[in-house]
Amino acid sequence: MWRACVARCPPSEPCATASAVWKLLHCLSMTLEIVLVWAFVGLISGWLASRLAGGGLGVVGEIVVGIAGAFVGGLLFRQLHLTVPFSGLPGTIFVAFVGALALLVALRLLRRA
């Protein structure tokens, strides 16, 4: 699906421009509601992980860590064949929290080395 959307980006307009990015997001069905849900999940999971790992990152930092943690958590749960104990939004936040916590712990260990 991603390649099909990128192929629709007109060659006269570089895909890095803001309008092309919004066209690409629209093509991928990324509505404002989905972007806000991602930001909400990232904020909650990033905030929880940063509180547990120690140190605040600020709102934007916690959103970024939470969204990256969602990807890391998804990979961890898939590779370890774990099931999520909750369904829906709480399960998504839980997976993102676990991934964000793993990411922050790994970054902290790398910083010390």
C-alpha atoms as a PDB file:
ATOM      1  CA  MET A   1       0.000   0.000   0.000  1.00  0.00           C
ATOM      2  CA  TRP A   2       2.854   2.383   0.878  1.00  0.00           C
ATOM      3  CA  ARG A   3       4.524   1.919  -2.526  1.00  0.00           C
ATOM      4  CA  ALA A   4       1.265   2.527  -4.352  1.00  0.00           C
ATOM      5  CA  CYS A   5       0.787   5.798  -2.485  1.00  0.00           C
ATOM      6  CA  VAL A   6       4.381   6.909  -3.097  1.00  0.00           C
ATOM      7  CA  ALA A   7       3.973   6.118  -6.796  1.00  0.00           C
ATOM      8  CA  ARG A   8       1.045   8.559  -6.921  1.00  0.00           C
ATOM      9  CA  CYS A   9       3.237  11.442  -5.776  1.00  0.00           C
ATOM     10  CA  PRO A  10       3.621  13.585  -8.913  1.00  0.00           C
ATOM     11  CA  PRO A  11       7.196  13.801 -10.246  1.00  0.00           C
ATOM     12  CA  SER A  12       6.923  17.586 -10.636  1.00  0.00           C
ATOM     13  CA  GLU A  13       6.330  17.941  -6.888  1.00  0.00           C
ATOM     14  CA  PRO A  14       8.965  16.558  -4.512  1.00  0.00           C
ATOM     15  CA  CYS A  15       7.470  14.198  -1.949  1.00  0.00           C
ATOM     16  CA  ALA A  16       9.174  16.095   0.868  1.00  0.00           C
ATOM     17  CA  THR A  17       6.900  19.127   0.614  1.00  0.00           C
ATOM     18  CA  ALA A  18       4.156  19.581   3.170  1.00  0.00           C
ATOM     19  CA  SER A  19       1.324  19.256   0.659  1.00  0.00           C
ATOM     20  CA  ALA A  20       2.787  16.017  -0.704  1.00  0.00           C
ATOM     21  CA  VAL A  21       3.121  14.640   2.821  1.00  0.00           C
ATOM     22  CA  TRP A  22      -0.531  15.416   3.541  1.00  0.00           C
ATOM     23  CA  LYS A  23      -1.510  13.809   0.228  1.00  0.00           C
ATOM     24  CA  LEU A  24       0.486  10.736   1.180  1.00  0.00           C
ATOM     25  CA  LEU A  25      -1.104  10.609   4.644  1.00  0.00           C
ATOM     26  CA  HIS A  26      -4.535  10.951   3.083  1.00  0.00           C
ATOM     27  CA  CYS A  27      -3.695   8.183   0.643  1.00  0.00           C
ATOM     28  CA  LEU A  28      -2.747   5.976   3.563  1.00  0.00           C
ATOM     29  CA  SER A  29      -6.053   6.876   5.259  1.00  0.00           C
ATOM     30  CA  MET A  30      -4.273   8.785   8.012  1.00  0.00           C
ATOM     31  CA  THR A  31      -7.012  11.067   9.176  1.00  0.00           C
ATOM     32  CA  LEU A  32      -6.564  13.672  11.871  1.00  0.00           C
ATOM     33  CA  GLU A  33      -8.340  11.325  14.278  1.00  0.00           C
ATOM     34  CA  ILE A  34      -5.759   8.576  13.695  1.00  0.00           C
ATOM     35  CA  VAL A  35      -2.879  11.025  14.131  1.00  0.00           C
ATOM     36  CA  LEU A  36      -4.407  12.235  17.409  1.00  0.00           C
ATOM     37  CA  VAL A  37      -4.852   8.659  18.647  1.00  0.00           C
ATOM     38  CA  TRP A  38      -1.189   7.921  17.830  1.00  0.00           C
ATOM     39  CA  ALA A  39      -0.153  11.066  19.710  1.00  0.00           C
ATOM     40  CA  PHE A  40      -2.368  10.128  22.675  1.00  0.00           C
ATOM     41  CA  VAL A  41      -1.008   6.564  22.847  1.00  0.00           C
ATOM     42  CA  GLY A  42       2.536   7.886  22.481  1.00  0.00           C
ATOM     43  CA  LEU A  43       2.053  10.493  25.189  1.00  0.00           C
ATOM     44  CA  ILE A  44       0.515   8.121  27.729  1.00  0.00           C
ATOM     45  CA  SER A  45       2.956   5.249  27.141  1.00  0.00           C
ATOM     46  CA  GLY A  46       5.978   7.559  26.895  1.00  0.00           C
ATOM     47  CA  TRP A  47       4.983   9.365  30.074  1.00  0.00           C
ATOM     48  CA  LEU A  48       4.498   6.113  31.996  1.00  0.00           C
ATOM     49  CA  ALA A  49       7.792   4.679  30.750  1.00  0.00           C
ATOM     50  CA  SER A  50       9.753   7.846  31.507  1.00  0.00           C
ATOM     51  CA  ARG A  51       8.313   7.978  35.030  1.00  0.00           C
ATOM     52  CA  LEU A  52       9.291   4.364  35.644  1.00  0.00           C
ATOM     53  CA  ALA A  53      12.730   4.683  34.016  1.00  0.00           C
ATOM     54  CA  GLY A  54      13.366   8.051  35.655  1.00  0.00           C
ATOM     55  CA  GLY A  55      13.535  11.508  34.179  1.00  0.00           C
ATOM     56  CA  GLY A  56      11.037  13.503  32.179  1.00  0.00           C
ATOM     57  CA  LEU A  57      11.407  14.071  28.466  1.00  0.00           C
ATOM     58  CA  GLY A  58       8.825  16.758  27.895  1.00  0.00           C
ATOM     59  CA  VAL A  59       5.590  16.339  25.979  1.00  0.00           C
ATOM     60  CA  VAL A  60       7.119  16.015  22.515  1.00  0.00           C
ATOM     61  CA  GLY A  61       9.877  13.693  23.732  1.00  0.00           C
ATOM     62  CA  GLU A  62       7.387  11.451  25.485  1.00  0.00           C
ATOM     63  CA  ILE A  63       5.188  11.267  22.386  1.00  0.00           C
ATOM     64  CA  VAL A  64       8.195  10.319  20.237  1.00  0.00           C
ATOM     65  CA  VAL A  65       9.411   7.716  22.746  1.00  0.00           C
ATOM     66  CA  GLY A  66       5.886   6.325  23.071  1.00  0.00           C
ATOM     67  CA  ILE A  67       5.379   5.987  19.301  1.00  0.00           C
ATOM     68  CA  ALA A  68       8.820   4.436  18.847  1.00  0.00           C
ATOM     69  CA  GLY A  69       8.034   2.212  21.814  1.00  0.00           C
ATOM     70  CA  ALA A  70       4.866   1.032  20.098  1.00  0.00           C
ATOM     71  CA  PHE A  71       6.977  -0.288  17.226  1.00  0.00           C
ATOM     72  CA  VAL A  72       9.544  -1.839  19.583  1.00  0.00           C
ATOM     73  CA  GLY A  73       6.810  -3.352  21.745  1.00  0.00           C
ATOM     74  CA  GLY A  74       5.066  -4.783  18.711  1.00  0.00           C
ATOM     75  CA  LEU A  75       8.303  -6.408  17.598  1.00  0.00           C
ATOM     76  CA  LEU A  76       9.000  -7.764  21.082  1.00  0.00           C
ATOM     77  CA  PHE A  77       5.528  -9.222  21.523  1.00  0.00           C
ATOM     78  CA  ARG A  78       5.619 -10.767  18.042  1.00  0.00           C
ATOM     79  CA  GLN A  79       9.112 -12.251  18.396  1.00  0.00           C
ATOM     80  CA  LEU A  80       8.440 -13.646  21.872  1.00  0.00           C
ATOM     81  CA  HIS A  81       4.971 -14.952  20.829  1.00  0.00           C
ATOM     82  CA  LEU A  82       3.299 -13.089  23.674  1.00  0.00           C
ATOM     83  CA  THR A  83      -0.345 -12.130  23.741  1.00  0.00           C
ATOM     84  CA  VAL A  84      -1.616  -8.789  24.958  1.00  0.00           C
ATOM     85  CA  PRO A  85      -3.687  -9.144  28.141  1.00  0.00           C
ATOM     86  CA  PHE A  86      -6.023  -6.302  27.133  1.00  0.00           C
ATOM     87  CA  SER A  87      -7.830  -5.520  23.906  1.00  0.00           C
ATOM     88  CA  GLY A  88      -8.400  -2.229  22.153  1.00  0.00           C
ATOM     89  CA  LEU A  89      -6.804   1.024  23.250  1.00  0.00           C
ATOM     90  CA  PRO A  90      -5.612  -0.242  26.675  1.00  0.00           C
ATOM     91  CA  GLY A  91      -3.780  -3.108  24.959  1.00  0.00           C
ATOM     92  CA  THR A  92      -2.179  -0.722  22.498  1.00  0.00           C
ATOM     93  CA  ILE A  93      -1.030   1.538  25.315  1.00  0.00           C
ATOM     94  CA  PHE A  94       0.323  -1.498  27.218  1.00  0.00           C
ATOM     95  CA  VAL A  95       2.370  -2.732  24.236  1.00  0.00           C
ATOM     96  CA  ALA A  96       3.646   0.802  23.566  1.00  0.00           C
ATOM     97  CA  PHE A  97       4.533   1.196  27.265  1.00  0.00           C
ATOM     98  CA  VAL A  98       6.521  -2.062  27.327  1.00  0.00           C
ATOM     99  CA  GLY A  99       8.346  -1.060  24.147  1.00  0.00           C
ATOM    100  CA  ALA A 100       9.020   2.479  25.375  1.00  0.00           C
ATOM    101  CA  LEU A 101      10.350   1.135  28.663  1.00  0.00           C
ATOM    102  CA  ALA A 102      12.642  -1.294  26.829  1.00  0.00           C
ATOM    103  CA  LEU A 103      13.795   1.539  24.572  1.00  0.00           C
ATOM    104  CA  LEU A 104      14.547   3.881  27.477  1.00  0.00           C
ATOM    105  CA  VAL A 105      16.402   1.172  29.421  1.00  0.00           C
ATOM    106  CA  ALA A 106      18.465   0.299  26.335  1.00  0.00           C
ATOM    107  CA  LEU A 107      19.283   3.970  25.726  1.00  0.00           C
ATOM    108  CA  ARG A 108      20.247   4.429  29.355  1.00  0.00           C
ATOM    109  CA  LEU A 109      22.580   1.400  29.210  1.00  0.00           C
ATOM    110  CA  LEU A 110      24.143   2.652  25.968  1.00  0.00           C
ATOM    111  CA  ARG A 111      24.681   6.099  27.461  1.00  0.00           C
ATOM    112  CA  ARG A 112      26.535   4.629  30.449  1.00  0.00           C
ATOM    113  CA  ALA A 113      28.821   2.509  28.266  1.00  0.00           C
END
